[in-house]
């Protein structure tokens, strides 16, 4: 995923499903300069910072 698209998802009024390593996540914020995102693992509520290149949009609305 591109950083710009991740930022669009954060600002979207819709809940768009995104996964990291096949695990559903919620994007908390995006650093478009560093191309990283602060994400929350939905299953554990843990927060981690990852490269936006590792995020995949599934196309599903949740």
PDB file of N, CA and C in Angstrom:
ATOM      1  N   UNK A   1       0.840  -1.164   0.000  1.00  0.00           N
ATOM      2  CA  UNK A   1       0.000   0.000   0.000  1.00  0.00           C
ATOM      3  C   UNK A   1       0.892   1.236   0.000  1.00  0.00           C
ATOM      4  N   UNK A   2       0.433   2.285  -0.646  1.00  0.00           N
ATOM      5  CA  UNK A   2       1.152   3.565  -0.640  1.00  0.00           C
ATOM      6  C   UNK A   2       0.746   4.368   0.600  1.00  0.00           C
ATOM      7  N   UNK A   3       1.638   5.230   1.057  1.00  0.00           N
ATOM      8  CA  UNK A   3       1.361   6.061   2.227  1.00  0.00           C
ATOM      9  C   UNK A   3       0.149   6.956   1.994  1.00  0.00           C
ATOM     10  N   UNK A   4       0.010   7.489   0.802  1.00  0.00           N
ATOM     11  CA  UNK A   4      -1.127   8.357   0.495  1.00  0.00           C
ATOM     12  C   UNK A   4      -2.450   7.598   0.651  1.00  0.00           C
ATOM     13  N   UNK A   5      -2.505   6.356   0.187  1.00  0.00           N
ATOM     14  CA  UNK A   5      -3.732   5.563   0.316  1.00  0.00           C
ATOM     15  C   UNK A   5      -4.015   5.246   1.773  1.00  0.00           C
ATOM     16  N   UNK A   6      -2.992   4.937   2.549  1.00  0.00           N
ATOM     17  CA  UNK A   6      -3.183   4.670   3.973  1.00  0.00           C
ATOM     18  C   UNK A   6      -3.756   5.904   4.668  1.00  0.00           C
ATOM     19  N   UNK A   7      -3.269   7.093   4.312  1.00  0.00           N
ATOM     20  CA  UNK A   7      -3.791   8.327   4.891  1.00  0.00           C
ATOM     21  C   UNK A   7      -5.250   8.546   4.484  1.00  0.00           C
ATOM     22  N   UNK A   8      -5.588   8.201   3.249  1.00  0.00           N
ATOM     23  CA  UNK A   8      -6.982   8.313   2.794  1.00  0.00           C
ATOM     24  C   UNK A   8      -7.895   7.398   3.605  1.00  0.00           C
ATOM     25  N   UNK A   9      -7.428   6.197   3.905  1.00  0.00           N
ATOM     26  CA  UNK A   9      -8.220   5.255   4.696  1.00  0.00           C
ATOM     27  C   UNK A   9      -8.448   5.796   6.098  1.00  0.00           C
ATOM     28  N   UNK A  10      -7.419   6.401   6.689  1.00  0.00           N
ATOM     29  CA  UNK A  10      -7.564   6.986   8.031  1.00  0.00           C
ATOM     30  C   UNK A  10      -8.647   8.054   8.032  1.00  0.00           C
ATOM     31  N   UNK A  11      -8.702   8.870   6.984  1.00  0.00           N
ATOM     32  CA  UNK A  11      -9.652   9.981   6.905  1.00  0.00           C
ATOM     33  C   UNK A  11     -11.027   9.566   6.382  1.00  0.00           C
ATOM     34  N   UNK A  12     -11.149   8.356   5.889  1.00  0.00           N
ATOM     35  CA  UNK A  12     -12.395   7.903   5.269  1.00  0.00           C
ATOM     36  C   UNK A  12     -13.527   7.797   6.296  1.00  0.00           C
ATOM     37  N   UNK A  13     -14.751   8.152   5.883  1.00  0.00           N
ATOM     38  CA  UNK A  13     -15.902   7.963   6.779  1.00  0.00           C
ATOM     39  C   UNK A  13     -16.313   6.486   6.862  1.00  0.00           C
ATOM     40  N   UNK A  14     -15.737   5.643   6.002  1.00  0.00           N
ATOM     41  CA  UNK A  14     -16.047   4.217   5.982  1.00  0.00           C
ATOM     42  C   UNK A  14     -14.970   3.437   6.727  1.00  0.00           C
ATOM     43  N   UNK A  15     -15.346   2.293   7.260  1.00  0.00           N
ATOM     44  CA  UNK A  15     -14.377   1.385   7.880  1.00  0.00           C
ATOM     45  C   UNK A  15     -13.919   0.408   6.813  1.00  0.00           C
ATOM     46  N   UNK A  16     -12.703   0.593   6.335  1.00  0.00           N
ATOM     47  CA  UNK A  16     -12.141  -0.205   5.255  1.00  0.00           C
ATOM     48  C   UNK A  16     -11.184  -1.221   5.853  1.00  0.00           C
ATOM     49  N   UNK A  17     -11.392  -2.489   5.510  1.00  0.00           N
ATOM     50  CA  UNK A  17     -10.552  -3.541   6.081  1.00  0.00           C
ATOM     51  C   UNK A  17      -9.133  -3.482   5.512  1.00  0.00           C
ATOM     52  N   UNK A  18      -8.152  -3.492   6.427  1.00  0.00           N
ATOM     53  CA  UNK A  18      -6.733  -3.517   6.074  1.00  0.00           C
ATOM     54  C   UNK A  18      -6.095  -4.610   6.918  1.00  0.00           C
ATOM     55  N   UNK A  19      -5.157  -5.341   6.313  1.00  0.00           N
ATOM     56  CA  UNK A  19      -4.470  -6.397   7.049  1.00  0.00           C
ATOM     57  C   UNK A  19      -2.960  -6.170   7.017  1.00  0.00           C
ATOM     58  N   UNK A  20      -2.311  -6.667   8.050  1.00  0.00           N
ATOM     59  CA  UNK A  20      -0.850  -6.670   8.168  1.00  0.00           C
ATOM     60  C   UNK A  20      -0.473  -8.105   8.495  1.00  0.00           C
ATOM     61  N   UNK A  21       0.302  -8.748   7.644  1.00  0.00           N
ATOM     62  CA  UNK A  21       0.647 -10.176   7.822  1.00  0.00           C
ATOM     63  C   UNK A  21      -0.610 -11.024   8.002  1.00  0.00           C
ATOM     64  N   UNK A  22      -1.630 -10.748   7.181  1.00  0.00           N
ATOM     65  CA  UNK A  22      -2.909 -11.469   7.209  1.00  0.00           C
ATOM     66  C   UNK A  22      -3.689 -11.289   8.504  1.00  0.00           C
ATOM     67  N   UNK A  23      -3.321 -10.284   9.304  1.00  0.00           N
ATOM     68  CA  UNK A  23      -4.020  -9.985  10.548  1.00  0.00           C
ATOM     69  C   UNK A  23      -4.751  -8.657  10.398  1.00  0.00           C
ATOM     70  N   UNK A  24      -6.044  -8.607  10.696  1.00  0.00           N
ATOM     71  CA  UNK A  24      -6.773  -7.342  10.589  1.00  0.00           C
ATOM     72  C   UNK A  24      -6.213  -6.285  11.541  1.00  0.00           C
ATOM     73  N   UNK A  25      -6.079  -5.076  11.011  1.00  0.00           N
ATOM     74  CA  UNK A  25      -5.538  -3.971  11.819  1.00  0.00           C
ATOM     75  C   UNK A  25      -6.400  -2.728  11.621  1.00  0.00           C
ATOM     76  N   UNK A  26      -6.203  -1.769  12.503  1.00  0.00           N
ATOM     77  CA  UNK A  26      -6.794  -0.449  12.393  1.00  0.00           C
ATOM     78  C   UNK A  26      -5.631   0.528  12.263  1.00  0.00           C
ATOM     79  N   UNK A  27      -5.660   1.397  11.266  1.00  0.00           N
ATOM     80  CA  UNK A  27      -4.586   2.377  11.098  1.00  0.00           C
ATOM     81  C   UNK A  27      -4.893   3.582  11.981  1.00  0.00           C
ATOM     82  N   UNK A  28      -4.021   3.866  12.946  1.00  0.00           N
ATOM     83  CA  UNK A  28      -4.196   5.019  13.831  1.00  0.00           C
ATOM     84  C   UNK A  28      -3.674   6.299  13.189  1.00  0.00           C
ATOM     85  N   UNK A  29      -2.500   6.219  12.552  1.00  0.00           N
ATOM     86  CA  UNK A  29      -1.915   7.404  11.921  1.00  0.00           C
ATOM     87  C   UNK A  29      -0.898   6.967  10.868  1.00  0.00           C
ATOM     88  N   UNK A  30      -0.583   7.919   9.984  1.00  0.00           N
ATOM     89  CA  UNK A  30       0.350   7.648   8.890  1.00  0.00           C
ATOM     90  C   UNK A  30       1.386   8.759   8.836  1.00  0.00           C
ATOM     91  N   UNK A  31       2.645   8.387   8.699  1.00  0.00           N
ATOM     92  CA  UNK A  31       3.730   9.342   8.461  1.00  0.00           C
ATOM     93  C   UNK A  31       4.093   9.199   6.991  1.00  0.00           C
ATOM     94  N   UNK A  32       3.575  10.112   6.154  1.00  0.00           N
ATOM     95  CA  UNK A  32       3.779  10.002   4.719  1.00  0.00           C
ATOM     96  C   UNK A  32       5.232  10.238   4.312  1.00  0.00           C
ATOM     97  N   UNK A  33       5.993  10.990   5.100  1.00  0.00           N
ATOM     98  CA  UNK A  33       7.404  11.232   4.785  1.00  0.00           C
ATOM     99  C   UNK A  33       8.221   9.960   4.999  1.00  0.00           C
ATOM    100  N   UNK A  34       8.025   9.313   6.136  1.00  0.00           N
ATOM    101  CA  UNK A  34       8.765   8.085   6.458  1.00  0.00           C
ATOM    102  C   UNK A  34       8.117   6.838   5.858  1.00  0.00           C
ATOM    103  N   UNK A  35       6.895   7.002   5.338  1.00  0.00           N
ATOM    104  CA  UNK A  35       6.118   5.888   4.778  1.00  0.00           C
ATOM    105  C   UNK A  35       5.914   4.773   5.795  1.00  0.00           C
ATOM    106  N   UNK A  36       5.504   5.193   7.007  1.00  0.00           N
ATOM    107  CA  UNK A  36       5.193   4.250   8.066  1.00  0.00           C
ATOM    108  C   UNK A  36       3.793   4.556   8.596  1.00  0.00           C
ATOM    109  N   UNK A  37       3.240   3.577   9.291  1.00  0.00           N
ATOM    110  CA  UNK A  37       1.931   3.757   9.901  1.00  0.00           C
ATOM    111  C   UNK A  37       1.954   3.195  11.310  1.00  0.00           C
ATOM    112  N   UNK A  38       1.260   3.880  12.198  1.00  0.00           N
ATOM    113  CA  UNK A  38       1.016   3.363  13.531  1.00  0.00           C
ATOM    114  C   UNK A  38      -0.298   2.602  13.442  1.00  0.00           C
ATOM    115  N   UNK A  39      -0.240   1.300  13.727  1.00  0.00           N
ATOM    116  CA  UNK A  39      -1.432   0.473  13.577  1.00  0.00           C
ATOM    117  C   UNK A  39      -1.744  -0.257  14.878  1.00  0.00           C
ATOM    118  N   UNK A  40      -3.015  -0.639  14.991  1.00  0.00           N
ATOM    119  CA  UNK A  40      -3.480  -1.385  16.160  1.00  0.00           C
ATOM    120  C   UNK A  40      -3.963  -2.746  15.673  1.00  0.00           C
ATOM    121  N   UNK A  41      -3.409  -3.806  16.228  1.00  0.00           N
ATOM    122  CA  UNK A  41      -3.848  -5.158  15.905  1.00  0.00           C
ATOM    123  C   UNK A  41      -5.214  -5.361  16.549  1.00  0.00           C
ATOM    124  N   UNK A  42      -6.224  -5.641  15.742  1.00  0.00           N
ATOM    125  CA  UNK A  42      -7.592  -5.730  16.250  1.00  0.00           C
ATOM    126  C   UNK A  42      -7.734  -6.851  17.273  1.00  0.00           C
ATOM    127  N   UNK A  43      -7.100  -7.991  17.048  1.00  0.00           N
ATOM    128  CA  UNK A  43      -7.244  -9.140  17.943  1.00  0.00           C
ATOM    129  C   UNK A  43      -6.685  -8.890  19.339  1.00  0.00           C
ATOM    130  N   UNK A  44      -5.570  -8.157  19.423  1.00  0.00           N
ATOM    131  CA  UNK A  44      -4.900  -7.980  20.715  1.00  0.00           C
ATOM    132  C   UNK A  44      -4.916  -6.544  21.222  1.00  0.00           C
ATOM    133  N   UNK A  45      -5.326  -5.601  20.362  1.00  0.00           N
ATOM    134  CA  UNK A  45      -5.325  -4.174  20.678  1.00  0.00           C
ATOM    135  C   UNK A  45      -3.911  -3.629  20.889  1.00  0.00           C
ATOM    136  N   UNK A  46      -2.896  -4.365  20.424  1.00  0.00           N
ATOM    137  CA  UNK A  46      -1.505  -3.924  20.517  1.00  0.00           C
ATOM    138  C   UNK A  46      -1.209  -2.909  19.419  1.00  0.00           C
ATOM    139  N   UNK A  47      -0.382  -1.915  19.749  1.00  0.00           N
ATOM    140  CA  UNK A  47       0.014  -0.897  18.776  1.00  0.00           C
ATOM    141  C   UNK A  47       1.442  -1.155  18.318  1.00  0.00           C
ATOM    142  N   UNK A  48       1.646  -1.072  16.991  1.00  0.00           N
ATOM    143  CA  UNK A  48       2.987  -1.213  16.436  1.00  0.00           C
ATOM    144  C   UNK A  48       3.150  -0.230  15.290  1.00  0.00           C
ATOM    145  N   UNK A  49       4.383   0.052  14.929  1.00  0.00           N
ATOM    146  CA  UNK A  49       4.675   0.898  13.776  1.00  0.00           C
ATOM    147  C   UNK A  49       5.239   0.008  12.676  1.00  0.00           C
ATOM    148  N   UNK A  50       4.668   0.145  11.477  1.00  0.00           N
ATOM    149  CA  UNK A  50       5.070  -0.707  10.360  1.00  0.00           C
ATOM    150  C   UNK A  50       5.233   0.131   9.099  1.00  0.00           C
ATOM    151  N   UNK A  51       5.936  -0.421   8.130  1.00  0.00           N
ATOM    152  CA  UNK A  51       6.036   0.207   6.822  1.00  0.00           C
ATOM    153  C   UNK A  51       4.683   0.083   6.133  1.00  0.00           C
ATOM    154  N   UNK A  52       4.219   1.148   5.479  1.00  0.00           N
ATOM    155  CA  UNK A  52       2.940   1.071   4.782  1.00  0.00           C
ATOM    156  C   UNK A  52       2.992   0.048   3.656  1.00  0.00           C
ATOM    157  N   UNK A  53       4.176  -0.265   3.157  1.00  0.00           N
ATOM    158  CA  UNK A  53       4.316  -1.282   2.106  1.00  0.00           C
ATOM    159  C   UNK A  53       3.869  -2.659   2.580  1.00  0.00           C
ATOM    160  N   UNK A  54       3.821  -2.866   3.894  1.00  0.00           N
ATOM    161  CA  UNK A  54       3.426  -4.151   4.448  1.00  0.00           C
ATOM    162  C   UNK A  54       1.932  -4.259   4.695  1.00  0.00           C
ATOM    163  N   UNK A  55       1.186  -3.187   4.417  1.00  0.00           N
ATOM    164  CA  UNK A  55      -0.259  -3.181   4.643  1.00  0.00           C
ATOM    165  C   UNK A  55      -0.978  -3.519   3.344  1.00  0.00           C
ATOM    166  N   UNK A  56      -2.075  -4.250   3.476  1.00  0.00           N
ATOM    167  CA  UNK A  56      -2.875  -4.638   2.321  1.00  0.00           C
ATOM    168  C   UNK A  56      -4.338  -4.323   2.564  1.00  0.00           C
ATOM    169  N   UNK A  57      -4.918  -3.593   1.643  1.00  0.00           N
ATOM    170  CA  UNK A  57      -6.350  -3.291   1.685  1.00  0.00           C
ATOM    171  C   UNK A  57      -7.095  -4.473   1.064  1.00  0.00           C
ATOM    172  N   UNK A  58      -8.118  -4.971   1.750  1.00  0.00           N
ATOM    173  CA  UNK A  58      -8.849  -6.132   1.235  1.00  0.00           C
ATOM    174  C   UNK A  58      -9.977  -5.739   0.297  1.00  0.00           C
ATOM    175  N   UNK A  59     -10.410  -4.493   0.351  1.00  0.00           N
ATOM    176  CA  UNK A  59     -11.530  -4.060  -0.472  1.00  0.00           C
ATOM    177  C   UNK A  59     -12.863  -4.218   0.212  1.00  0.00           C
ATOM    178  N   UNK A  60     -12.854  -4.793   1.418  1.00  0.00           N
ATOM    179  CA  UNK A  60     -14.102  -4.998   2.167  1.00  0.00           C
ATOM    180  C   UNK A  60     -14.375  -3.788   3.041  1.00  0.00           C
ATOM    181  N   UNK A  61     -15.644  -3.452   3.172  1.00  0.00           N
ATOM    182  CA  UNK A  61     -16.068  -2.470   4.164  1.00  0.00           C
ATOM    183  C   UNK A  61     -16.488  -3.242   5.405  1.00  0.00           C
ATOM    184  N   UNK A  62     -16.028  -2.783   6.560  1.00  0.00           N
ATOM    185  CA  UNK A  62     -16.373  -3.492   7.810  1.00  0.00           C
ATOM    186  C   UNK A  62     -17.159  -2.579   8.715  1.00  0.00           C
TER     187      UNK A  62
END
